[in-house]
Amino acid sequence: MPPVLSSWNVHSDHSIYKSKRSFNDSAEAKRQKRVMKYKAYAVEGKMKTSFRNGIRWVKDKYCSLVHRY
């Protein structure tokens, strides 16, 4: 006959598992939040670069029309 576990042991094992799991979920949530911030920062940089390039293009076109290069 297999050993019978008391309800106290099962409960304590479950609560230990649950606390470890919530710790890991918390760490995973923090990691995901950090990664999202990195991605947002990268997108912001790409948008700024695109805007600068657009302004430069308009400026170059204007100068070429005015000065007839």
Protein backbone atom coordinates (compact mmCIF):
# COMPACT_ATOMS: atom_id res chain seq x y z
CA MET A 1 0.00 0.00 0.00
CA PRO A 2 1.45 3.43 -0.94
CA PRO A 3 2.18 5.88 1.85
CA VAL A 4 -0.68 8.19 2.68
CA LEU A 5 0.15 11.87 2.73
CA SER A 6 -1.56 13.93 5.33
CA SER A 7 -3.47 16.98 4.17
CA TRP A 8 -0.93 19.21 5.96
CA ASN A 9 1.96 17.93 3.81
CA VAL A 10 0.00 18.25 0.60
CA HIS A 11 -1.08 21.77 1.53
CA SER A 12 2.42 22.87 2.50
CA ASP A 13 3.90 21.40 -0.68
CA HIS A 14 1.24 23.15 -2.72
CA SER A 15 1.78 26.50 -1.00
CA ILE A 16 5.56 26.22 -1.50
CA TYR A 17 4.99 25.46 -5.17
CA LYS A 18 2.57 28.35 -5.43
CA SER A 19 4.97 30.81 -3.79
CA LYS A 20 7.82 29.73 -6.10
CA ARG A 21 5.51 29.99 -9.07
CA SER A 22 4.35 33.48 -8.14
CA PHE A 23 7.98 34.53 -7.66
CA ASN A 24 8.84 33.23 -11.13
CA ASP A 25 5.76 34.86 -12.64
CA SER A 26 6.76 38.11 -10.99
CA ALA A 27 10.28 37.85 -12.38
CA GLU A 28 8.88 36.99 -15.80
CA ALA A 29 6.50 39.94 -15.66
CA LYS A 30 9.37 42.26 -14.76
CA ARG A 31 11.43 40.90 -17.64
CA GLN A 32 8.58 41.33 -20.10
CA LYS A 33 8.00 44.89 -18.91
CA ARG A 34 11.71 45.67 -19.32
CA VAL A 35 11.78 44.17 -22.82
CA MET A 36 8.72 46.23 -23.80
CA LYS A 37 10.50 49.39 -22.62
CA TYR A 38 13.54 48.49 -24.74
CA LYS A 39 11.33 47.95 -27.78
CA ALA A 40 9.48 51.23 -27.21
CA TYR A 41 12.80 53.05 -26.92
CA ALA A 42 13.98 51.49 -30.19
CA VAL A 43 10.78 52.49 -31.99
CA GLU A 44 11.11 56.02 -30.64
CA GLY A 45 14.65 56.23 -32.01
CA LYS A 46 13.54 54.96 -35.42
CA MET A 47 10.74 57.54 -35.55
CA LYS A 48 13.12 60.37 -34.66
CA THR A 49 15.58 59.24 -37.32
CA SER A 50 12.84 58.99 -39.92
CA PHE A 51 11.59 62.48 -39.04
CA ARG A 52 15.09 63.93 -39.26
CA ASN A 53 15.65 62.29 -42.63
CA GLY A 54 12.33 63.66 -43.89
CA ILE A 55 13.20 67.18 -42.78
CA ARG A 56 16.63 66.85 -44.41
CA TRP A 57 15.00 65.68 -47.66
CA VAL A 58 12.61 68.66 -47.70
CA LYS A 59 15.47 71.04 -46.94
CA ASP A 60 17.62 69.56 -49.72
CA LYS A 61 14.75 69.74 -52.23
CA TYR A 62 14.05 73.36 -51.32
CA CYS A 63 17.71 74.32 -51.61
CA SER A 64 18.05 72.53 -54.94
CA LEU A 65 14.99 74.37 -56.32
CA VAL A 66 16.08 77.75 -55.02
CA HIS A 67 19.73 77.50 -55.92
CA ARG A 68 19.29 75.28 -59.03
CA TYR A 69 22.10 72.86 -58.29
